[in-house]
Protein backbone atom coordinates (compact mmCIF):
# COMPACT_ATOMS: atom_id res chain seq x y z
CA MET A 1 -0.17 0.15 0.42
CA SER A 2 1.15 3.87 0.77
CA ILE A 3 4.23 2.49 3.12
CA GLU A 4 5.29 0.09 0.46
CA VAL A 5 5.39 3.69 -2.53
CA ARG A 6 6.35 5.67 0.27
CA ALA A 7 10.04 3.71 -0.13
CA LEU A 8 10.64 3.69 -3.28
CA GLU A 9 13.41 6.61 -4.65
CA PRO A 10 13.46 8.89 -5.03
CA THR A 11 11.34 8.79 -1.46
CA ALA A 12 10.81 13.14 -2.06
CA ILE A 13 8.84 12.61 -4.82
CA TRP A 14 6.99 9.03 -3.92
CA ASN A 15 6.22 10.90 -0.37
CA CYS A 16 4.97 13.84 -1.55
CA PHE A 17 2.51 11.78 -4.22
CA ALA A 18 1.21 9.12 -1.54
CA ASP A 19 0.32 12.21 0.30
CA LEU A 20 -1.37 13.92 -2.43
CA ASN A 21 -2.91 10.50 -3.19
CA ALA A 22 -4.51 10.61 0.02
CA VAL A 23 -6.57 13.66 -0.91
CA PRO A 24 -9.97 12.98 -2.90
CA ARG A 25 -9.17 15.83 -5.68
CA PRO A 26 -11.94 14.80 -8.39
CA SER A 27 -12.27 17.82 -11.56
CA LYS A 28 -14.93 20.14 -10.24
CA LYS A 29 -14.31 19.09 -6.91
CA GLU A 30 -10.65 20.38 -6.02
CA GLU A 31 -11.46 22.61 -2.67
CA ARG A 32 -10.03 20.07 -0.69
CA VAL A 33 -6.52 19.65 -2.82
CA ILE A 34 -6.29 23.58 -2.77
CA GLN A 35 -6.12 23.74 0.64
CA PHE A 36 -3.87 20.91 0.65
CA MET A 37 -1.40 22.77 -1.70
CA LEU A 38 -1.85 26.19 0.61
CA ASP A 39 -1.32 24.58 3.63
CA PHE A 40 2.05 23.06 1.74
CA GLY A 41 3.42 26.06 0.54
CA GLY A 42 2.28 28.20 3.88
CA SER A 43 4.09 24.93 6.15
CA LEU A 44 7.47 25.86 3.97
CA LYS A 45 6.69 29.89 4.91
CA LEU A 46 7.22 30.37 1.10
CA GLU A 47 4.71 32.85 -1.05
CA THR A 48 1.59 31.28 -1.48
CA PHE A 49 -1.27 31.88 -2.71
CA SER A 50 -4.29 30.88 -4.94
CA ASP A 51 -5.97 33.18 -8.08
CA ALA A 52 -9.59 34.14 -8.37
CA VAL A 53 -10.47 30.48 -10.16
CA GLY A 54 -8.31 27.98 -7.47
CA ASN A 55 -5.35 27.89 -9.45
CA VAL A 56 -2.44 28.13 -6.34
CA ILE A 57 1.15 29.64 -6.89
CA ILE A 58 3.93 29.08 -4.98
CA ARG A 59 7.27 31.23 -5.36
CA LYS A 60 10.73 29.95 -4.02
CA PRO A 61 13.75 32.12 -4.01
CA ALA A 62 17.31 31.07 -5.80
CA THR A 63 19.73 28.93 -4.62
CA ALA A 64 22.61 30.51 -3.31
CA GLY A 65 24.85 31.48 -6.45
CA MET A 66 21.50 30.85 -8.90
CA GLU A 67 19.87 34.24 -8.57
CA ASP A 68 21.28 35.23 -12.06
CA ARG A 69 19.10 32.57 -13.84
CA LYS A 70 15.47 33.33 -15.04
CA MET A 71 13.10 32.36 -13.07
CA VAL A 72 11.39 28.73 -14.11
CA THR A 73 7.62 28.24 -13.53
CA LEU A 74 7.05 24.49 -12.65
CA GLN A 75 3.50 23.71 -14.28
CA SER A 76 1.25 20.92 -13.42
CA HIS A 77 -2.78 20.13 -12.87
CA LEU A 78 -4.12 19.18 -8.82
CA ASP A 79 -7.21 17.40 -10.64
CA MET A 80 -7.53 14.04 -12.18
CA VAL A 81 -9.63 11.58 -14.01
CA HIS A 82 -11.73 9.34 -11.59
CA GLN A 83 -12.45 5.91 -13.48
CA LYS A 84 -12.75 2.61 -11.64
CA ASN A 85 -13.94 -1.05 -12.95
CA THR A 86 -17.07 -2.03 -12.06
CA GLU A 87 -16.96 -4.41 -9.65
CA THR A 88 -14.40 -1.57 -7.63
CA VAL A 89 -16.37 -0.63 -4.90
CA PHE A 90 -14.77 3.31 -4.14
CA ASP A 91 -15.59 6.66 -3.44
CA PHE A 92 -13.75 9.06 -4.90
CA ASP A 93 -15.54 12.23 -3.34
CA THR A 94 -14.38 10.71 0.66
CA GLN A 95 -11.36 7.65 -0.11
CA GLY A 96 -7.78 8.46 -0.99
CA ILE A 97 -6.43 6.41 -3.55
CA ALA A 98 -5.20 2.38 -2.81
CA MET A 99 -1.84 1.78 -4.55
CA VAL A 100 0.15 -0.76 -5.20
CA VAL A 101 3.60 -1.47 -6.25
CA ASP A 102 3.87 -4.37 -9.02
CA GLY A 103 7.22 -5.06 -9.90
CA ASP A 104 8.66 -2.09 -11.65
CA TRP A 105 5.62 -0.33 -11.69
CA VAL A 106 3.22 1.36 -9.67
CA ARG A 107 -1.03 1.29 -9.71
CA ALA A 108 -4.16 1.49 -7.95
CA GLU A 109 -6.29 -1.21 -6.92
CA GLY A 110 -9.10 -1.25 -9.40
CA THR A 111 -9.44 2.97 -9.90
CA THR A 112 -7.04 5.38 -11.72
CA LEU A 113 -4.15 6.00 -10.18
CA GLY A 114 -3.71 10.30 -10.77
CA ALA A 115 0.03 9.88 -11.94
CA ASP A 116 -1.58 12.19 -14.42
CA ASN A 117 -0.98 14.48 -13.17
CA GLY A 118 -0.48 13.55 -9.83
CA MET A 119 3.45 12.95 -10.48
CA GLY A 120 4.40 15.86 -11.95
CA VAL A 121 2.83 17.65 -9.00
CA ALA A 122 4.73 15.46 -6.38
CA ALA A 123 7.93 16.44 -8.19
CA ILE A 124 7.10 19.99 -7.90
CA MET A 125 6.43 19.46 -4.41
CA ALA A 126 10.23 17.80 -3.69
CA LEU A 127 11.53 20.68 -5.22
CA LEU A 128 9.72 23.48 -3.10
CA GLN A 129 10.67 21.48 0.02
CA SER A 130 14.14 20.45 -0.51
CA THR A 131 17.27 21.89 0.78
CA ASP A 132 20.25 20.63 -1.13
CA ILE A 133 18.87 20.91 -4.75
CA PRO A 134 20.59 23.80 -7.15
CA HIS A 135 17.71 25.50 -9.01
CA PRO A 136 16.73 29.42 -10.18
CA PRO A 137 14.37 31.19 -8.99
CA LEU A 138 10.79 29.02 -9.22
CA GLU A 139 7.04 29.62 -9.74
CA ALA A 140 4.99 26.74 -9.37
CA LEU A 141 1.89 26.90 -10.99
CA PHE A 142 -1.00 24.50 -9.87
CA THR A 143 -4.22 24.80 -12.00
CA ILE A 144 -7.50 23.22 -11.88
CA ASP A 145 -9.56 21.48 -13.57
CA GLU A 146 -7.49 19.97 -16.48
CA GLU A 147 -9.24 17.12 -17.08
CA THR A 148 -12.73 18.20 -17.58
CA GLY A 149 -12.51 21.81 -20.10
CA MET A 150 -8.58 23.34 -18.95
CA THR A 151 -10.80 26.25 -17.01
CA GLY A 152 -8.11 26.71 -14.26
CA ALA A 153 -5.75 27.78 -17.32
CA MET A 154 -8.41 29.25 -19.05
CA GLY A 155 -8.80 31.48 -15.70
CA LEU A 156 -5.15 32.54 -15.27
CA GLU A 157 -5.00 36.11 -15.59
CA ALA A 158 -2.46 37.92 -17.93
CA GLY A 159 0.52 39.14 -15.64
CA LEU A 160 0.54 37.09 -13.13
CA LEU A 161 3.47 34.70 -13.62
CA GLN A 162 6.78 35.70 -13.38
CA GLY A 163 8.67 32.93 -15.03
CA GLU A 164 10.64 33.24 -18.51
CA VAL A 165 10.56 29.78 -18.87
CA LEU A 166 7.98 27.25 -18.24
CA LEU A 167 8.48 23.29 -17.84
CA ASN A 168 4.84 21.52 -17.86
CA LEU A 169 5.50 18.28 -16.09
CA ASP A 170 2.27 16.55 -17.85
CA THR A 171 3.57 14.10 -20.33
CA GLU A 172 3.70 10.16 -20.62
CA GLU A 173 6.82 8.70 -22.15
CA ASP A 174 10.31 9.53 -20.31
CA ASP A 175 12.10 10.08 -23.82
CA GLU A 176 10.44 12.53 -25.25
CA ILE A 177 10.28 15.95 -24.84
CA ASP A 178 7.11 17.54 -25.90
CA ILE A 179 7.26 21.23 -28.45
CA GLY A 180 3.19 21.21 -29.19
CA CYS A 181 0.00 19.65 -28.26
CA ALA A 182 -3.71 19.25 -29.80
CA GLY A 183 -6.38 22.04 -28.69
CA GLY A 184 -10.17 20.64 -28.62
CA ILE A 185 -13.68 21.24 -28.74
CA ASP A 186 -17.05 19.30 -26.51
CA ILE A 187 -19.80 18.82 -29.17
CA THR A 188 -23.07 17.50 -27.46
CA ALA A 189 -26.22 16.27 -29.21
CA VAL A 190 -29.49 16.50 -27.11
CA GLY A 191 -33.00 15.56 -27.99
CA GLU A 192 -36.33 14.11 -26.84
CA TYR A 193 -38.51 11.11 -27.24
CA HIS A 194 -42.06 9.84 -26.23
CA LEU A 195 -42.32 6.91 -23.90
CA GLN A 196 -44.34 4.21 -24.96
CA GLY A 197 -45.26 1.21 -22.87
CA VAL A 198 -44.18 -2.66 -23.91
CA ARG A 199 -45.80 -4.82 -26.20
CA PRO A 200 -47.03 -7.73 -24.51
CA GLU A 201 -45.16 -10.37 -27.02
CA TYR A 202 -42.32 -8.62 -26.24
CA GLN A 203 -39.34 -9.90 -24.30
CA CYS A 204 -36.91 -7.68 -21.89
CA TYR A 205 -33.15 -8.02 -21.92
CA GLU A 206 -30.25 -6.20 -21.13
CA ILE A 207 -27.22 -5.95 -23.19
CA ARG A 208 -23.99 -5.47 -20.90
CA ILE A 209 -20.53 -4.36 -22.75
CA THR A 210 -17.72 -4.61 -19.88
CA GLY A 211 -14.10 -5.65 -20.44
CA LEU A 212 -12.56 -3.12 -22.85
CA LYS A 213 -9.08 -1.50 -22.01
CA GLY A 214 -10.65 2.48 -21.99
CA GLY A 215 -7.77 4.84 -22.14
CA HIS A 216 -6.74 8.62 -22.93
CA SER A 217 -8.94 9.39 -25.57
CA GLY A 218 -6.27 11.63 -27.56
CA MET A 219 -3.47 9.59 -26.41
CA ASP A 220 -4.60 6.46 -27.51
CA ILE A 221 -6.66 7.34 -29.89
CA HIS A 222 -4.58 6.01 -32.85
CA LYS A 223 -4.08 2.33 -31.04
CA GLY A 224 -7.49 0.19 -32.78
CA LEU A 225 -9.18 0.17 -29.25
CA GLY A 226 -12.99 -0.85 -28.76
CA ASN A 227 -15.50 2.45 -27.84
CA ALA A 228 -18.11 0.84 -26.07
CA ASN A 229 -20.74 3.23 -27.27
CA LYS A 230 -19.85 2.40 -30.77
CA LEU A 231 -19.90 -1.01 -30.00
CA MET A 232 -23.19 -0.57 -28.41
CA ASN A 233 -24.51 1.25 -31.32
CA ARG A 234 -24.02 -1.84 -33.55
CA LEU A 235 -25.40 -4.60 -31.83
CA LEU A 236 -29.09 -2.38 -30.99
CA TYR A 237 -28.84 -1.37 -34.77
CA HIS A 238 -29.29 -4.74 -35.46
CA SER A 239 -31.54 -5.58 -32.83
CA VAL A 240 -33.94 -2.67 -33.92
CA PHE A 241 -33.65 -3.03 -38.02
CA GLU A 242 -33.58 -6.94 -38.15
CA PHE A 243 -35.49 -7.98 -34.74
CA ASP A 244 -38.24 -5.17 -34.65
CA ALA A 245 -36.31 -4.71 -31.22
CA ASP A 246 -37.80 -1.35 -29.05
CA ILE A 247 -34.82 0.62 -26.83
CA SER A 248 -35.71 0.98 -23.35
CA GLU A 249 -32.62 2.86 -22.05
CA ILE A 250 -28.61 3.32 -23.28
CA ASP A 251 -25.96 4.06 -20.84
CA GLY A 252 -22.43 3.97 -21.64
CA GLY A 253 -19.15 5.90 -21.57
CA GLY A 254 -18.27 8.49 -18.83
CA LEU A 255 -15.97 11.25 -19.04
CA ARG A 256 -15.09 13.10 -22.22
CA ASN A 257 -11.14 12.10 -22.07
CA ALA A 258 -11.88 8.87 -21.77
CA ILE A 259 -12.22 6.42 -24.65
CA PRO A 260 -15.42 4.32 -23.08
CA ARG A 261 -14.69 0.89 -21.86
CA GLU A 262 -18.48 0.02 -20.16
CA SER A 263 -22.06 0.53 -21.70
CA ALA A 264 -25.56 -1.10 -20.78
CA ALA A 265 -28.85 -0.72 -22.59
CA THR A 266 -32.19 -2.22 -22.45
CA LEU A 267 -34.45 -3.52 -24.79
CA ALA A 268 -37.78 -5.52 -25.62
CA VAL A 269 -38.05 -8.20 -29.17
CA ASN A 270 -40.53 -9.30 -30.23
CA GLN A 271 -40.89 -13.17 -29.53
CA THR A 272 -42.83 -14.14 -32.80
CA ASN A 273 -39.44 -13.09 -34.54
CA ASP A 274 -37.64 -16.52 -34.00
CA GLY A 275 -33.77 -16.38 -33.55
CA PHE A 276 -32.36 -13.27 -31.93
CA GLN A 277 -30.31 -14.84 -29.15
CA GLU A 278 -28.61 -16.91 -31.92
CA ALA A 279 -28.19 -13.83 -34.42
CA PHE A 280 -26.89 -11.52 -31.00
CA GLN A 281 -24.32 -14.12 -30.34
CA GLY A 282 -23.03 -14.45 -34.21
CA TRP A 283 -22.70 -10.56 -33.74
CA VAL A 284 -20.74 -10.52 -30.63
CA THR A 285 -18.29 -13.86 -32.47
CA ILE A 286 -18.29 -10.91 -35.12
CA LEU A 287 -16.86 -8.37 -32.70
CA LYS A 288 -14.64 -10.26 -30.20
CA SER A 289 -12.89 -11.50 -33.71
CA GLU A 290 -12.37 -8.18 -34.98
CA LEU A 291 -10.94 -6.67 -31.57
CA SER A 292 -9.05 -9.94 -30.86
CA ALA A 293 -5.89 -8.34 -31.38
CA THR A 294 -6.48 -5.11 -29.63
CA GLU A 295 -9.40 -6.41 -26.72
CA PRO A 296 -8.57 -9.60 -25.63
CA ASP A 297 -10.68 -9.57 -22.83
CA LEU A 298 -14.12 -7.80 -24.15
CA GLN A 299 -17.08 -9.31 -22.83
CA ILE A 300 -20.65 -8.56 -24.47
CA ALA A 301 -23.68 -10.10 -22.14
CA LEU A 302 -26.97 -10.71 -23.23
CA GLN A 303 -29.58 -11.75 -19.75
CA PRO A 304 -32.99 -11.99 -20.19
CA ILE A 305 -34.53 -9.63 -17.46
CA ALA A 306 -37.94 -9.11 -15.83
CA PRO A 307 -40.40 -6.59 -17.77
CA PHE A 308 -40.11 -3.04 -17.53
CA ASP A 309 -42.79 -0.56 -18.43
CA PHE A 310 -41.63 1.95 -21.34
CA THR A 311 -39.34 2.48 -24.15
CA MET A 312 -38.39 4.92 -26.96
CA GLU A 313 -40.91 5.35 -29.48
CA PRO A 314 -39.48 3.18 -33.18
CA THR A 315 -38.80 6.09 -35.10
CA LYS A 316 -36.43 8.08 -32.35
CA ALA A 317 -34.71 5.08 -31.60
CA ARG A 318 -33.86 4.74 -35.30
CA ASP A 319 -32.67 8.14 -35.80
CA LEU A 320 -30.72 7.43 -32.86
CA LEU A 321 -28.78 4.54 -34.31
CA ARG A 322 -28.39 6.21 -37.63
CA SER A 323 -26.60 9.20 -36.24
CA ILE A 324 -24.32 7.39 -33.81
CA TYR A 325 -23.81 5.17 -36.60
CA ALA A 326 -22.74 7.88 -39.13
CA ALA A 327 -20.97 9.88 -36.52
CA HIS A 328 -17.30 9.53 -36.92
CA ASN A 329 -15.02 8.24 -33.87
CA GLY A 330 -11.16 7.65 -34.12
CA VAL A 331 -8.20 9.21 -35.85
CA TYR A 332 -9.85 11.42 -38.60
CA ALA A 333 -6.68 12.84 -39.96
CA MET A 334 -3.00 11.90 -39.53
CA SER A 335 0.17 15.01 -39.52
CA ALA A 336 1.63 15.52 -42.75
CA THR A 337 3.96 17.49 -41.26
CA ILE A 338 5.26 15.02 -38.02
CA PRO A 339 5.41 11.64 -38.72
CA ASP A 340 2.82 9.24 -36.71
CA LEU A 341 1.04 12.31 -35.36
CA VAL A 342 -2.36 11.89 -35.24
CA GLU A 343 -3.52 15.40 -36.11
CA THR A 344 -7.79 15.37 -35.72
CA SER A 345 -9.84 12.61 -33.83
CA ASN A 346 -12.91 12.46 -32.53
CA ASN A 347 -14.16 10.35 -29.22
CA ILE A 348 -17.79 9.59 -28.39
CA ALA A 349 -17.22 9.16 -25.09
CA ARG A 350 -21.18 9.36 -23.65
CA VAL A 351 -24.21 7.83 -24.70
CA LYS A 352 -27.52 8.24 -22.01
CA VAL A 353 -31.25 7.64 -23.28
CA SER A 354 -33.30 7.58 -20.31
CA ASP A 355 -36.87 8.79 -19.33
CA GLY A 356 -37.41 10.73 -22.60
CA ALA A 357 -34.03 12.39 -23.11
CA ILE A 358 -31.28 11.82 -25.34
CA LYS A 359 -27.41 13.16 -24.62
CA VAL A 360 -24.63 12.26 -26.99
CA SER A 361 -21.22 13.80 -25.83
CA CYS A 362 -17.72 13.74 -27.82
CA LEU A 363 -14.66 15.47 -27.65
CA THR A 364 -12.83 16.06 -31.01
CA ARG A 365 -9.27 17.52 -31.34
CA SER A 366 -6.60 18.09 -33.58
CA SER A 367 -3.44 20.61 -33.91
CA ARG A 368 -4.77 22.08 -37.26
CA GLN A 369 -8.07 24.60 -35.90
CA SER A 370 -9.70 24.39 -39.63
CA SER A 371 -9.38 20.29 -39.50
CA LYS A 372 -10.96 20.64 -36.22
CA MET A 373 -13.76 22.71 -37.14
CA ASP A 374 -14.34 20.32 -40.25
CA LEU A 375 -14.66 17.64 -37.94
CA ALA A 376 -16.95 19.26 -35.52
CA GLN A 377 -19.55 20.43 -38.72
CA ALA A 378 -19.74 16.69 -39.54
CA LEU A 379 -20.32 15.20 -36.57
CA GLN A 380 -23.07 18.42 -35.83
CA SER A 381 -24.41 17.48 -39.83
CA ALA A 382 -24.41 13.51 -38.67
CA PHE A 383 -26.63 14.48 -35.55
CA GLU A 384 -28.98 17.23 -36.97
CA LEU A 385 -30.06 14.79 -39.60
CA GLY A 386 -31.33 12.66 -36.63
CA GLY A 387 -33.10 15.76 -35.22
CA TYR A 388 -30.82 16.53 -32.38
CA ALA A 389 -29.66 19.72 -31.38
CA VAL A 390 -26.04 20.66 -31.15
CA THR A 391 -23.76 22.80 -29.39
CA PHE A 392 -20.22 23.54 -29.24
CA SER A 393 -18.79 24.20 -25.62
CA GLY A 394 -14.90 23.54 -24.07
CA ALA A 395 -13.35 24.80 -26.78
CA TYR A 396 -9.16 25.60 -26.09
CA PRO A 397 -6.10 26.37 -28.66
CA GLY A 398 -3.56 23.90 -29.66
CA TRP A 399 0.11 24.95 -28.76
CA ASN A 400 2.58 25.73 -31.75
CA PRO A 401 5.90 23.95 -31.95
CA ASN A 402 9.02 26.55 -31.78
CA PRO A 403 11.86 23.88 -32.75
CA ASN A 404 14.01 26.84 -32.68
CA SER A 405 13.09 27.26 -28.28
CA GLU A 406 15.99 28.16 -26.10
CA ILE A 407 14.60 25.41 -23.26
CA LEU A 408 14.58 23.18 -26.12
CA LYS A 409 17.63 23.22 -26.79
CA LEU A 410 18.65 23.12 -23.35
CA LEU A 411 16.57 20.01 -22.86
CA GLU A 412 18.00 18.45 -25.87
CA THR A 413 21.65 18.90 -24.54
CA THR A 414 21.49 17.71 -20.80
CA TYR A 415 19.41 14.28 -21.97
CA LYS A 416 21.76 13.20 -23.95
CA ARG A 417 24.77 14.08 -21.71
CA LEU A 418 22.76 12.34 -19.13
CA PHE A 419 21.60 9.35 -21.21
CA THR A 420 23.54 8.80 -23.98
CA ALA A 421 20.76 8.86 -26.31
CA GLU A 422 18.58 11.25 -28.61
CA PRO A 423 15.44 12.06 -27.05
CA ARG A 424 12.45 12.46 -29.16
CA VAL A 425 11.51 15.67 -30.00
CA VAL A 426 7.74 15.32 -30.75
CA ALA A 427 3.91 16.90 -30.77
CA CYS A 428 1.54 14.90 -28.84
CA HIS A 429 -2.07 14.90 -29.55
CA ALA A 430 -3.54 15.36 -25.45
CA GLY A 431 -4.54 18.74 -24.59
CA LEU A 432 -2.07 20.29 -22.44
CA GLU A 433 -2.11 23.65 -20.93
CA CYS A 434 0.88 25.37 -22.46
CA GLY A 435 -1.31 26.33 -25.38
CA ILE A 436 -3.96 28.18 -23.32
CA LEU A 437 -1.36 29.86 -20.89
CA GLY A 438 0.60 30.95 -23.97
CA GLN A 439 -2.11 33.39 -25.38
CA ASN A 440 -1.79 35.10 -22.24
CA TYR A 441 2.03 34.58 -21.75
CA PRO A 442 3.74 34.12 -25.49
CA TYR A 443 6.66 35.33 -24.19
CA ILE A 444 7.31 32.58 -21.72
CA ASP A 445 9.73 29.98 -23.62
CA MET A 446 6.98 26.62 -22.79
CA ILE A 447 8.27 22.60 -23.17
CA SER A 448 7.01 19.95 -21.87
CA PHE A 449 7.77 16.29 -20.29
CA GLY A 450 7.12 13.63 -17.98
CA PRO A 451 7.99 10.20 -16.79
CA THR A 452 6.10 7.03 -18.35
CA ILE A 453 2.70 6.14 -17.57
CA HIS A 454 0.35 3.79 -18.93
CA GLY A 455 -2.87 3.81 -19.34
CA ALA A 456 -4.00 7.11 -18.01
CA HIS A 457 -7.44 8.13 -17.81
CA SER A 458 -8.20 4.27 -17.03
CA PRO A 459 -8.16 1.77 -13.87
CA ASP A 460 -5.04 0.01 -15.79
CA GLU A 461 -3.32 3.53 -15.26
CA CYS A 462 0.48 3.12 -13.80
CA VAL A 463 3.74 5.07 -13.55
CA GLN A 464 7.25 3.08 -14.22
CA ILE A 465 9.10 3.28 -10.96
CA SER A 466 12.74 3.50 -12.81
CA SER A 467 11.26 6.30 -15.64
CA VAL A 468 10.28 8.24 -12.16
CA GLN A 469 14.18 7.77 -11.60
CA LYS A 470 14.93 8.83 -14.31
CA PHE A 471 13.09 11.96 -14.40
CA TRP A 472 13.76 13.52 -11.53
CA THR A 473 17.69 12.81 -13.03
CA PHE A 474 16.76 15.32 -15.58
CA LEU A 475 14.55 17.28 -14.39
CA LYS A 476 16.90 18.64 -11.18
CA ALA A 477 19.79 19.05 -14.11
CA VAL A 478 17.82 20.87 -16.48
CA LEU A 479 17.02 23.23 -13.23
CA ALA A 480 21.21 23.05 -12.36
CA ASP A 481 21.51 24.40 -16.12
CA SER A 482 18.64 26.28 -16.35
CA PRO A 483 19.22 29.59 -18.81
CA LYS A 484 20.80 32.94 -17.31
CA LYS A 485 18.63 36.51 -17.55
C-alpha cells in the first residue's frame, strides 16, 4: 500500500505523491486539494496564494549562486480523472487512492492512479521542500480542472506569472520532449422522445459490454481500441432493424476524455421473430474477432430481465442509431508534417438515453484549427440530420511547436549528456495547458516532459518506477543548467 510506495526511490517524490493521493481531487471538486496545496506552501514559509479561479501559485527564491538565472515556472494540474472497474467499490469523493507496487510499476487497486498529473505535482512539491538541490528562482503553478475543460488555465490572468521559462510536467513517455499539442472542442447532441408501453409479446433483455481497455482519448486514440458506445450501437442497430426491437435505456461511457470502456442497454424484442439470441451471439463473435488483437478481454452479455414499463418510440430509436453510426469515432486525419502524429480525432465519449431524454457527448481534438472545426461540423451534421440540437463548448487552442526554443536546446543537450541517447522531440495529440497559457503569456519559453505513464484515464493507469528516477535526474539537471537572465 502507501507504505510500500513511500519507500521507493526517489523518496522525496514518492512521499509527496502518497500525500497528494490521500486527498480526494476529482475535477470540479478541487476544494480539498487546493487547501492541501495552500497549507503545503504555507508550511514551507514560501509565498503562496490562489487566484480567482482556484489555481495555486508558490514561489521559492533561487539557491545561493543561482540568483542570476531566469525564473522557471513549474506547472502541473491538481485534478485527476476518476474511473473505476465496475466491481470496484470506491468513493472518489471521500477516499484516497489505494496504491500497490507491481514490479517496476505503481498502480491503483481497481481505479485510476492519478499519476496523470500527480507525478508532476509531486516532483514540484519535492523541489519546493528541498534544501540541497540547486535551482533558479522557482514559481510553481498548480492549475485546477485540467481534465474537464482546462478552466484553471483559461482563468489564469495575464500578468500573474513571473517566470520566463515554463516546464510543464504532464507528458507520459520519459524519452519524449514535447513542443506542441492538440486543441479540442466538446460537441453535445441532445434530443427528446415519447415513451411508449412495452408490447405484451415482447421479451425484455439487458445488454452489457465490459472488459475494454479504455484509455486516454487523445494519446490512445490511434491504438484501435474498442469504443463501448460504438459497439453497443452496432448491437442495437441489428436488434432494432432485424428483429423489431424497442430500446428502453442506454448508459454508455463516462468522461469525455476517456475512451468508453463499458456500456449497458435495455431493450424489448418481439418474440414472434425467432432466432434473436442465436443471431446476437453471432454478432458478438464478429465483434470479438474484429477486436481480438487489441481487446482480448472484451465481454458482451445478453441477459433476459424482468419486464420494464416503457421504451422509446421506434422512429426516434432508429434516428438515434443512424446518427451514432454516421458520427465519426477515432482518427480522422494524420499530420502531414510530423511523422506518426494524429492530427485530428473524435471520441464518442458518452451516450445516455433515459426517461424521454437523449444526450450524446463527444470530444474532438486537432493540432490544426481548421481540421478540428471540419470534423466538428461533420459531427454536427450527422446529429442534426437525426433531429438533434447540437452545441459546441469548451474549446481550447493547440500549442504551436517552436523548434528554435532556447529551453528545447537545453533539454536536448542535457538529455544526451545524462543518458547518452537522443530524446524524441514530439508534438502530442493530447490537450496540454501550454496552448492556453501561451495566449496570455506569449513570451514564456515552454516545454513539456515527464515520466512514463501507461493507461492514463483508465483503471489500468500505472507509472514506471525506474522512469520516475530518470525523470527526477533529468529535471534536477535541467534546473541546475537553467538559462541566465
